[in-house]
Amino acid sequence: MTDHKKVPKRISQTILNSLKGGVVPRIGLPYIAVGRKNEIEALLHDVDIIESGGASFRFIVGRYGSGKSFLIQTIRNYVMDKGFIVADADLSPERRLQGTRGQGLATYRELIGNLSTKTKPEGGALTLVLDRWISGVQTEAVGETGLEPGNPQLTKLVDQKIYAVTSAVSELVHGFEFARLLSLYYHAYVDGDDELKMKVVRWFRGEYALKREAKEALGINIIITDDDWYDYLKIFAVFFRMAGYAGMIIMIDELVNLYKIPNAITRQYNYEKLLTMYNDTLQGKARYLGIIMGATPQAIEDKRRGVYSYEALRSRLAEGKFSAPGARDLLAPVIHLEPLTPEEMLVLCEKLSDMHGDLYGYQKKLGTNDLADFIKLEYGRIGADQNITPREVIRDFIELLDLLYQNPAMDMASLLKSDEFTYTKSEAVSDRTDKNYVEFTI
């Protein structure tokens, strides 16, 4: 058996509970990462481009349970460690890229609410970032001049430094108002006016519904709307860079919710917005910004309702003649997740088995042969080559570990041969081949 790193119990508990529940844990991913080396390297290449002032856009495409969210989460943790600010959101019927009832703005609000940094990885980092920026500028000015806080000359120098940032931002579309709000926030910070600070933050979060409200509260006759919310993300990316971060990565999952929009015209408007975002990153209209979107194959490739139903996107994103499973072009905008191999799943099960034993304090009973038998059984079922996903294999395996721990007299071989296990597995496979399941069940 291979040596393994001792995983802290709190992290083990979170990982095993999350995986058994079919969701990706937010912490501890390096302990269970297997495979995906090429995909991760491709995405990390983008990170270098973003940090040097460029922009990137990637679709990560895989079936439900194929490891799409796991890959997105792994990249999220990595880029936060590298000093990026991350904003993530799942699309839903209420959150789209465009809508007649504020669904685009709802996505923006979710992204801004989930702003995360290395020191605040669970979201809600906007005020922290703004305060850190101002504090950093003041500290820098004190270091340059040796003057005490409160000295008028120091205040003037800090004003100049703040102005340098706001004037750079003001050159962008909608940047003038954004710069005025940054300046308002700075003066509220210096004056200790928490009420004004919160009004500015409310505006940044897109929480003013009427221009009149914003005018009364802040003297700004503009609000973030369903049509222009994405422009403000581009401004934020530049501002975050000037505030000392590496850049901004936006992660939007569950793109299948655009595919599910019943109205064809509404769908097309959403794909049009997607095209705008995609074009911006490729044409240099966005800087220090990375966009990663997660989708199922059908949500992308279906020519009737998917992203490829919008010809301008299909012509840009469709794979060339030479890409095929096993030899995908990972520099292309669409990254197709290949299934994990049985060998990779074996390594993952070994890691989970070690973790389970450490967490519950028992001597591990399962050898490599036991694990290989389990993997063979899972991959040997009818239709498994088309339908099996890491999520299902992992859930089955953790269930077996739990049962073996709670019933010391049992062994893996007898559990795998039990009628109940075989029956439920074959039933699950036949369910998974049902077309409706593949299309609409999460």
Protein backbone atom coordinates (compact mmCIF):
# COMPACT_ATOMS: atom_id res chain seq x y z
CA MET A 1 0.00 0.00 0.00
CA THR A 2 1.32 3.48 -0.81
CA ASP A 3 2.40 5.99 1.84
CA HIS A 4 -0.16 8.68 2.41
CA LYS A 5 -0.26 12.10 3.95
CA LYS A 6 -2.15 12.24 7.23
CA VAL A 7 -5.27 14.29 6.59
CA PRO A 8 -6.57 16.47 9.47
CA LYS A 9 -9.76 14.88 10.88
CA ARG A 10 -11.88 17.99 10.30
CA ILE A 11 -10.95 17.92 6.60
CA SER A 12 -11.43 14.13 6.32
CA GLN A 13 -14.92 14.44 7.80
CA THR A 14 -15.85 17.24 5.37
CA ILE A 15 -14.47 15.40 2.34
CA LEU A 16 -16.18 12.07 3.10
CA ASN A 17 -19.52 13.69 4.03
CA SER A 18 -19.52 15.86 0.90
CA LEU A 19 -18.60 13.02 -1.46
CA LYS A 20 -21.16 10.67 0.08
CA GLY A 21 -23.78 13.38 -0.45
CA GLY A 22 -22.73 13.73 -4.11
CA VAL A 23 -21.27 17.25 -3.77
CA VAL A 24 -17.75 18.62 -4.16
CA PRO A 25 -16.04 19.59 -0.89
CA ARG A 26 -14.80 23.19 -0.68
CA ILE A 27 -11.68 22.17 1.26
CA GLY A 28 -9.09 19.40 1.11
CA LEU A 29 -9.21 18.79 -2.65
CA PRO A 30 -5.44 18.21 -3.04
CA TYR A 31 -5.79 15.14 -0.78
CA ILE A 32 -8.12 13.43 -3.24
CA ALA A 33 -7.07 14.83 -6.61
CA VAL A 34 -6.35 12.17 -9.26
CA GLY A 35 -6.12 12.47 -13.03
CA ARG A 36 -7.05 15.70 -14.83
CA LYS A 37 -3.37 16.66 -15.02
CA ASN A 38 -3.60 17.88 -18.63
CA GLU A 39 -6.83 19.82 -18.08
CA ILE A 40 -5.41 21.53 -14.98
CA GLU A 41 -2.19 22.45 -16.83
CA ALA A 42 -4.22 23.97 -19.68
CA LEU A 43 -6.25 26.11 -17.24
CA LEU A 44 -3.14 27.16 -15.32
CA HIS A 45 -1.62 28.36 -18.61
CA ASP A 46 -4.64 30.72 -18.84
CA VAL A 47 -3.92 31.96 -15.30
CA ASP A 48 -0.47 33.18 -16.39
CA ILE A 49 -2.02 35.05 -19.33
CA ILE A 50 -4.61 36.73 -17.06
CA GLU A 51 -1.96 37.75 -14.53
CA SER A 52 0.05 39.46 -17.26
CA GLY A 53 -2.95 41.59 -18.32
CA GLY A 54 -4.77 39.31 -20.75
CA ALA A 55 -8.10 37.53 -20.53
CA SER A 56 -9.37 34.01 -21.14
CA PHE A 57 -12.63 32.11 -21.57
CA ARG A 58 -13.05 28.35 -21.17
CA PHE A 59 -15.97 25.95 -21.15
CA ILE A 60 -15.45 22.80 -19.07
CA VAL A 61 -17.78 20.18 -20.51
CA GLY A 62 -18.69 16.90 -18.83
CA ARG A 63 -21.68 14.80 -17.85
CA TYR A 64 -23.28 15.09 -14.41
CA GLY A 65 -20.94 13.54 -11.88
CA SER A 66 -17.98 13.44 -14.28
CA GLY A 67 -15.78 15.71 -12.16
CA LYS A 68 -16.63 19.05 -13.78
CA SER A 69 -17.41 20.85 -10.52
CA PHE A 70 -14.42 19.15 -8.88
CA LEU A 71 -12.09 20.57 -11.55
CA ILE A 72 -13.63 24.05 -11.24
CA GLN A 73 -13.25 23.92 -7.45
CA THR A 74 -9.62 22.74 -7.73
CA ILE A 75 -8.76 25.67 -10.01
CA ARG A 76 -10.66 28.04 -7.68
CA ASN A 77 -8.51 27.04 -4.72
CA TYR A 78 -5.31 27.24 -6.75
CA VAL A 79 -5.92 30.75 -8.14
CA MET A 80 -6.92 32.13 -4.73
CA ASP A 81 -3.56 30.86 -3.41
CA LYS A 82 -1.91 32.78 -6.27
CA GLY A 83 -3.54 36.06 -5.19
CA PHE A 84 -6.56 36.15 -7.50
CA ILE A 85 -10.03 37.20 -6.50
CA VAL A 86 -12.62 34.58 -7.46
CA ALA A 87 -16.35 35.05 -8.02
CA ASP A 88 -18.53 31.99 -8.58
CA ALA A 89 -22.21 31.36 -9.26
CA ASP A 90 -24.48 28.56 -10.46
CA LEU A 91 -27.05 29.47 -13.08
CA SER A 92 -30.70 28.59 -12.33
CA PRO A 93 -34.15 29.58 -13.64
CA GLU A 94 -33.76 32.80 -11.57
CA ARG A 95 -30.13 33.41 -12.57
CA ARG A 96 -29.25 33.73 -16.24
CA LEU A 97 -26.97 35.93 -18.32
CA GLN A 98 -29.91 37.99 -19.60
CA GLY A 99 -33.57 38.18 -18.67
CA THR A 100 -36.70 40.30 -18.69
CA ARG A 101 -37.16 39.99 -14.92
CA GLY A 102 -33.67 40.81 -13.70
CA GLN A 103 -32.19 37.30 -14.05
CA GLY A 104 -28.89 38.69 -15.41
CA LEU A 105 -28.59 41.12 -12.50
CA ALA A 106 -29.37 38.24 -10.12
CA THR A 107 -26.31 36.40 -11.51
CA TYR A 108 -24.19 39.54 -11.01
CA ARG A 109 -25.40 39.85 -7.39
CA GLU A 110 -24.56 36.21 -6.75
CA LEU A 111 -21.06 36.66 -8.19
CA ILE A 112 -20.35 39.81 -6.15
CA GLY A 113 -21.81 38.21 -3.01
CA ASN A 114 -19.47 35.24 -3.53
CA LEU A 115 -16.30 37.30 -4.09
CA SER A 116 -13.56 35.29 -2.39
CA THR A 117 -9.88 35.76 -1.59
CA LYS A 118 -7.25 33.57 0.03
CA THR A 119 -7.98 35.16 3.43
CA LYS A 120 -11.77 35.08 2.94
CA PRO A 121 -12.38 31.95 0.83
CA GLU A 122 -16.08 31.56 1.66
CA GLY A 123 -17.24 34.75 -0.10
CA GLY A 124 -18.41 38.19 1.03
CA ALA A 125 -14.95 39.71 0.50
CA LEU A 126 -15.91 43.01 -1.19
CA THR A 127 -15.67 45.34 1.85
CA LEU A 128 -12.51 43.56 3.00
CA VAL A 129 -10.91 44.20 -0.42
CA LEU A 130 -11.95 47.89 -0.47
CA ASP A 131 -10.69 48.51 3.09
CA ARG A 132 -7.46 46.64 2.43
CA TRP A 133 -6.85 48.73 -0.68
CA ILE A 134 -7.25 52.06 1.16
CA SER A 135 -5.22 50.89 4.14
CA GLY A 136 -2.47 49.69 1.77
CA VAL A 137 -2.34 53.05 -0.03
CA GLN A 138 -2.07 54.88 3.32
CA THR A 139 0.69 52.56 4.56
CA GLU A 140 2.60 53.04 1.30
CA ALA A 141 2.31 56.85 1.60
CA VAL A 142 3.54 56.79 5.21
CA GLY A 143 6.51 54.62 4.15
CA GLU A 144 7.40 57.05 1.35
CA THR A 145 7.15 60.26 3.39
CA GLY A 146 7.61 59.25 7.04
CA LEU A 147 4.70 61.59 7.86
CA GLU A 148 2.21 60.81 10.61
CA PRO A 149 -1.43 59.91 9.77
CA GLY A 150 -3.54 63.06 9.96
CA ASN A 151 -0.83 65.26 8.44
CA PRO A 152 -2.42 67.32 5.58
CA GLN A 153 0.55 66.57 3.26
CA LEU A 154 0.10 62.85 3.81
CA THR A 155 -3.64 63.12 3.14
CA LYS A 156 -2.86 64.97 -0.11
CA LEU A 157 -0.43 62.25 -1.24
CA VAL A 158 -2.96 59.49 -0.42
CA ASP A 159 -5.59 61.45 -2.38
CA GLN A 160 -3.24 61.52 -5.38
CA LYS A 161 -2.60 57.76 -5.16
CA ILE A 162 -6.32 57.01 -4.89
CA TYR A 163 -6.95 59.35 -7.84
CA ALA A 164 -4.37 57.47 -9.95
CA VAL A 165 -6.41 54.28 -9.48
CA THR A 166 -9.82 55.88 -10.01
CA SER A 167 -8.68 57.77 -13.14
CA ALA A 168 -7.36 54.53 -14.69
CA VAL A 169 -10.72 52.87 -13.99
CA SER A 170 -12.71 55.87 -15.26
CA GLU A 171 -11.42 55.32 -18.82
CA LEU A 172 -13.46 52.12 -19.10
CA VAL A 173 -17.14 51.92 -20.11
CA HIS A 174 -19.19 53.05 -17.04
CA GLY A 175 -15.84 53.61 -15.34
CA PHE A 176 -16.45 57.29 -14.52
CA GLU A 177 -19.31 56.57 -12.10
CA PHE A 178 -17.43 53.56 -10.71
CA ALA A 179 -14.42 55.82 -10.02
CA ARG A 180 -16.63 58.41 -8.28
CA LEU A 181 -17.99 55.67 -6.03
CA LEU A 182 -14.50 54.44 -5.17
CA SER A 183 -13.60 58.02 -4.24
CA LEU A 184 -16.77 58.31 -2.11
CA TYR A 185 -15.88 55.06 -0.35
CA TYR A 186 -12.35 56.29 0.35
CA HIS A 187 -13.54 59.55 1.92
CA ALA A 188 -16.18 57.68 3.95
CA TYR A 189 -13.42 55.33 5.16
CA VAL A 190 -11.19 58.25 6.20
CA ASP A 191 -14.08 60.06 7.91
CA GLY A 192 -15.31 56.92 9.67
CA ASP A 193 -18.70 57.26 7.93
CA ASP A 194 -19.85 53.62 7.99
CA GLU A 195 -23.32 54.49 6.72
CA LEU A 196 -21.95 56.02 3.50
CA LYS A 197 -19.57 53.09 3.07
CA MET A 198 -22.50 50.67 3.22
CA LYS A 199 -24.45 52.75 0.66
CA VAL A 200 -21.52 52.52 -1.76
CA VAL A 201 -21.21 48.76 -1.17
CA ARG A 202 -24.96 48.37 -1.80
CA TRP A 203 -24.47 50.10 -5.16
CA PHE A 204 -21.51 47.87 -6.06
CA ARG A 205 -23.63 44.84 -5.21
CA GLY A 206 -26.35 45.96 -7.64
CA GLU A 207 -28.93 46.43 -4.88
CA TYR A 208 -30.40 49.78 -5.97
CA ALA A 209 -33.52 49.11 -8.02
CA LEU A 210 -34.17 52.71 -9.12
CA LYS A 211 -31.86 55.48 -10.36
CA ARG A 212 -33.73 57.89 -8.07
CA GLU A 213 -32.69 55.86 -5.00
CA ALA A 214 -29.03 55.91 -6.05
CA LYS A 215 -29.22 59.66 -6.76
CA GLU A 216 -30.65 60.39 -3.31
CA ALA A 217 -28.20 58.14 -1.48
CA LEU A 218 -25.00 58.81 -3.42
CA GLY A 219 -25.55 61.57 -5.97
CA ILE A 220 -25.00 59.02 -8.77
CA ASN A 221 -27.66 58.96 -11.47
CA ILE A 222 -26.91 55.44 -12.70
CA ILE A 223 -27.45 51.88 -11.45
CA ILE A 224 -26.24 48.45 -12.51
CA THR A 225 -28.86 46.80 -14.72
CA ASP A 226 -29.64 43.52 -16.43
CA ASP A 227 -28.11 44.86 -19.65
CA ASP A 228 -24.76 46.19 -18.42
CA TRP A 229 -23.81 44.10 -15.33
CA TYR A 230 -21.02 42.34 -17.20
CA ASP A 231 -19.34 45.70 -17.98
CA TYR A 232 -18.94 46.25 -14.25
CA LEU A 233 -17.21 42.89 -13.80
CA LYS A 234 -14.63 44.04 -16.36
CA ILE A 235 -14.12 47.23 -14.32
CA PHE A 236 -13.80 45.24 -11.09
CA ALA A 237 -11.10 43.05 -12.69
CA VAL A 238 -8.95 46.11 -13.49
CA PHE A 239 -9.63 47.68 -10.09
CA PHE A 240 -8.71 44.49 -8.22
CA ARG A 241 -5.43 44.37 -10.09
CA MET A 242 -4.67 47.97 -9.10
CA ALA A 243 -5.69 47.15 -5.52
CA GLY A 244 -2.87 44.59 -5.32
CA TYR A 245 -4.48 41.33 -6.50
CA ALA A 246 -3.33 39.22 -9.45
CA GLY A 247 -6.66 39.55 -11.30
CA MET A 248 -10.20 38.16 -11.23
CA ILE A 249 -11.55 34.74 -12.20
CA ILE A 250 -15.29 34.30 -12.73
CA MET A 251 -16.66 30.75 -12.51
CA ILE A 252 -20.20 30.08 -13.71
CA ASP A 253 -21.53 26.52 -13.47
CA GLU A 254 -24.79 24.83 -14.52
CA LEU A 255 -24.90 26.39 -17.99
CA VAL A 256 -27.50 23.68 -18.69
CA ASN A 257 -30.05 26.15 -17.27
CA LEU A 258 -29.74 28.21 -20.48
CA TYR A 259 -30.37 25.07 -22.53
CA LYS A 260 -33.53 24.47 -20.47
CA ILE A 261 -35.04 27.94 -21.16
CA PRO A 262 -38.31 27.09 -22.95
CA ASN A 263 -38.58 30.32 -24.96
CA ALA A 264 -36.32 30.26 -28.05
CA ILE A 265 -35.92 34.05 -28.25
CA THR A 266 -34.93 34.31 -24.57
CA ARG A 267 -32.40 31.50 -25.10
CA GLN A 268 -30.91 33.36 -28.07
CA TYR A 269 -30.55 36.57 -26.02
CA ASN A 270 -28.61 34.60 -23.40
CA TYR A 271 -26.35 33.06 -26.03
CA GLU A 272 -25.83 36.54 -27.47
CA LYS A 273 -24.59 37.70 -24.05
CA LEU A 274 -22.33 34.65 -23.91
CA LEU A 275 -20.90 35.61 -27.31
CA THR A 276 -20.19 39.16 -26.10
CA MET A 277 -18.30 37.83 -23.07
CA TYR A 278 -16.39 35.34 -25.21
CA ASN A 279 -15.46 37.93 -27.87
CA ASP A 280 -14.31 40.47 -25.24
CA THR A 281 -11.78 38.06 -23.78
CA LEU A 282 -10.37 37.15 -27.19
CA GLN A 283 -10.32 40.66 -28.63
CA GLY A 284 -8.52 42.30 -25.70
CA LYS A 285 -11.58 44.23 -24.48
CA ALA A 286 -11.21 42.65 -21.03
CA ARG A 287 -8.05 42.67 -18.90
CA TYR A 288 -6.96 40.65 -15.86
CA LEU A 289 -10.14 38.61 -16.28
CA GLY A 290 -10.70 34.88 -16.65
CA ILE A 291 -14.09 33.26 -17.25
CA ILE A 292 -14.69 29.54 -16.73
CA MET A 293 -18.12 28.01 -17.43
CA GLY A 294 -19.27 24.50 -16.61
CA ALA A 295 -21.73 22.69 -18.89
CA THR A 296 -23.01 19.26 -19.91
CA PRO A 297 -22.22 18.06 -23.47
CA GLN A 298 -25.86 18.42 -24.46
CA ALA A 299 -26.06 22.03 -23.18
CA ILE A 300 -23.18 22.91 -25.53
CA GLU A 301 -23.60 20.64 -28.54
CA ASP A 302 -27.37 20.33 -29.07
CA LYS A 303 -27.95 22.26 -32.32
CA ARG A 304 -31.62 22.83 -31.54
CA ARG A 305 -31.40 24.37 -28.03
CA GLY A 306 -27.77 24.26 -26.89
CA VAL A 307 -24.99 26.82 -27.26
CA TYR A 308 -24.37 25.44 -30.78
CA SER A 309 -27.90 26.47 -31.79
CA TYR A 310 -26.41 29.99 -31.93
CA GLU A 311 -24.37 29.86 -35.13
CA ALA A 312 -21.90 32.60 -34.17
CA LEU A 313 -20.93 30.56 -31.09
CA ARG A 314 -20.94 27.18 -32.83
CA SER A 315 -18.54 28.41 -35.52
CA ARG A 316 -16.14 29.70 -32.84
CA LEU A 317 -16.33 26.80 -30.40
CA ALA A 318 -16.92 23.58 -32.36
CA GLU A 319 -14.01 21.14 -32.36
CA GLY A 320 -11.84 20.94 -35.46
CA LYS A 321 -11.46 17.87 -37.65
CA PHE A 322 -8.50 16.46 -35.76
CA SER A 323 -9.78 16.42 -32.15
CA ALA A 324 -11.13 13.12 -30.85
CA PRO A 325 -11.59 11.37 -27.49
CA GLY A 326 -8.12 10.62 -26.15
CA ALA A 327 -6.52 13.35 -28.27
CA ARG A 328 -8.38 16.56 -27.43
CA ASP A 329 -7.00 20.02 -28.16
CA LEU A 330 -6.71 21.47 -24.64
CA LEU A 331 -5.80 24.89 -26.00
CA ALA A 332 -9.28 25.15 -27.57
CA PRO A 333 -11.97 27.14 -25.71
CA VAL A 334 -13.99 23.99 -24.91
CA ILE A 335 -12.32 21.43 -22.64
CA HIS A 336 -14.10 18.06 -22.83
CA LEU A 337 -13.52 15.99 -19.69
CA GLU A 338 -12.41 12.48 -20.55
CA PRO A 339 -13.75 9.82 -18.13
CA LEU A 340 -11.38 8.88 -15.30
CA THR A 341 -9.72 5.55 -16.08
CA PRO A 342 -10.27 2.51 -13.83
CA GLU A 343 -6.63 2.89 -12.73
CA GLU A 344 -7.24 6.51 -11.64
CA MET A 345 -10.41 5.46 -9.79
CA LEU A 346 -8.38 2.77 -8.00
CA VAL A 347 -5.90 5.40 -6.77
CA LEU A 348 -8.79 7.59 -5.59
CA CYS A 349 -10.44 4.69 -3.72
CA GLU A 350 -7.11 3.94 -2.06
CA LYS A 351 -6.86 7.54 -0.83
CA LEU A 352 -10.46 7.46 0.47
CA SER A 353 -9.85 4.13 2.19
CA ASP A 354 -6.76 5.55 3.98
CA MET A 355 -8.72 8.66 4.96
CA HIS A 356 -11.69 6.67 6.30
CA GLY A 357 -9.40 4.46 8.41
CA ASP A 358 -7.57 7.47 9.87
CA LEU A 359 -10.82 9.30 10.63
CA TYR A 360 -12.50 6.42 12.48
CA GLY A 361 -9.29 5.05 13.99
CA TYR A 362 -9.29 1.48 12.66
CA GLN A 363 -6.65 -0.67 11.02
CA LYS A 364 -7.41 -0.66 7.32
CA LYS A 365 -8.70 -4.02 6.10
CA LEU A 366 -8.87 -3.45 2.37
CA GLY A 367 -5.88 -4.40 0.26
CA THR A 368 -5.20 -3.41 -3.34
CA ASN A 369 -6.88 -6.61 -4.57
CA ASP A 370 -10.10 -5.76 -2.71
CA LEU A 371 -10.12 -2.31 -4.26
CA ALA A 372 -9.42 -3.75 -7.71
CA ASP A 373 -12.37 -6.17 -7.30
CA PHE A 374 -14.65 -3.25 -6.43
CA ILE A 375 -13.49 -1.21 -9.44
CA LYS A 376 -13.87 -4.21 -11.76
CA LEU A 377 -17.43 -4.75 -10.56
CA GLU A 378 -18.36 -1.07 -11.00
CA TYR A 379 -16.83 -0.78 -14.47
CA GLY A 380 -18.00 -4.23 -15.55
CA ARG A 381 -21.72 -3.47 -15.41
CA ILE A 382 -23.89 -3.25 -18.51
CA GLY A 383 -23.61 0.23 -20.01
CA ALA A 384 -20.97 1.35 -17.51
CA ASP A 385 -18.59 2.49 -20.27
CA GLN A 386 -21.20 5.08 -21.33
CA ASN A 387 -22.93 5.91 -18.08
CA ILE A 388 -20.72 5.42 -15.05
CA THR A 389 -19.32 8.59 -13.44
CA PRO A 390 -16.79 9.21 -10.65
CA ARG A 391 -19.58 10.59 -8.45
CA GLU A 392 -21.46 7.27 -8.49
CA VAL A 393 -18.38 5.11 -7.94
CA ILE A 394 -17.24 7.30 -5.02
CA ARG A 395 -20.66 7.25 -3.36
CA ASP A 396 -20.83 3.46 -3.63
CA PHE A 397 -17.33 3.10 -2.25
CA ILE A 398 -17.86 5.36 0.79
CA GLU A 399 -21.10 3.48 1.51
CA LEU A 400 -19.12 0.20 1.47
CA LEU A 401 -16.46 1.67 3.79
CA ASP A 402 -19.18 2.83 6.22
CA LEU A 403 -20.84 -0.61 6.18
CA LEU A 404 -17.56 -2.46 6.74
CA TYR A 405 -16.67 -0.14 9.62
CA GLN A 406 -20.07 -0.57 11.29
CA ASN A 407 -20.14 -4.33 10.69
CA PRO A 408 -16.64 -5.68 11.48
CA ALA A 409 -17.73 -9.28 10.76
CA MET A 410 -18.43 -8.41 7.09
CA ASP A 411 -15.82 -8.40 4.35
CA MET A 412 -15.68 -6.68 0.98
CA ALA A 413 -16.11 -9.89 -1.05
CA SER A 414 -19.38 -10.89 0.65
CA LEU A 415 -20.78 -7.35 0.38
CA LEU A 416 -20.00 -7.14 -3.35
CA LYS A 417 -21.65 -10.48 -3.99
CA SER A 418 -24.79 -9.69 -1.97
CA ASP A 419 -28.05 -9.72 -3.94
CA GLU A 420 -28.99 -6.25 -2.72
CA PHE A 421 -25.79 -4.66 -4.01
CA THR A 422 -25.98 -6.38 -7.40
CA TYR A 423 -29.69 -5.64 -7.80
CA THR A 424 -29.45 -1.96 -6.94
CA LYS A 425 -26.43 -1.53 -9.21
CA SER A 426 -28.04 -3.09 -12.27
CA GLU A 427 -31.18 -1.08 -11.60
CA ALA A 428 -29.15 2.12 -11.32
CA VAL A 429 -27.43 1.46 -14.63
CA SER A 430 -30.74 0.90 -16.42
CA ASP A 431 -32.02 4.14 -14.85
CA ARG A 432 -28.95 6.01 -16.03
CA THR A 433 -29.48 4.92 -19.62
CA ASP A 434 -32.94 6.48 -19.54
CA LYS A 435 -32.71 9.51 -21.88
CA ASN A 436 -34.72 11.80 -19.61
CA TYR A 437 -32.31 11.15 -16.77
CA VAL A 438 -29.31 12.15 -18.86
CA GLU A 439 -31.03 15.30 -20.15
CA PHE A 440 -32.70 16.79 -17.14
CA THR A 441 -31.71 15.24 -13.82
CA ILE A 442 -29.00 16.88 -11.74
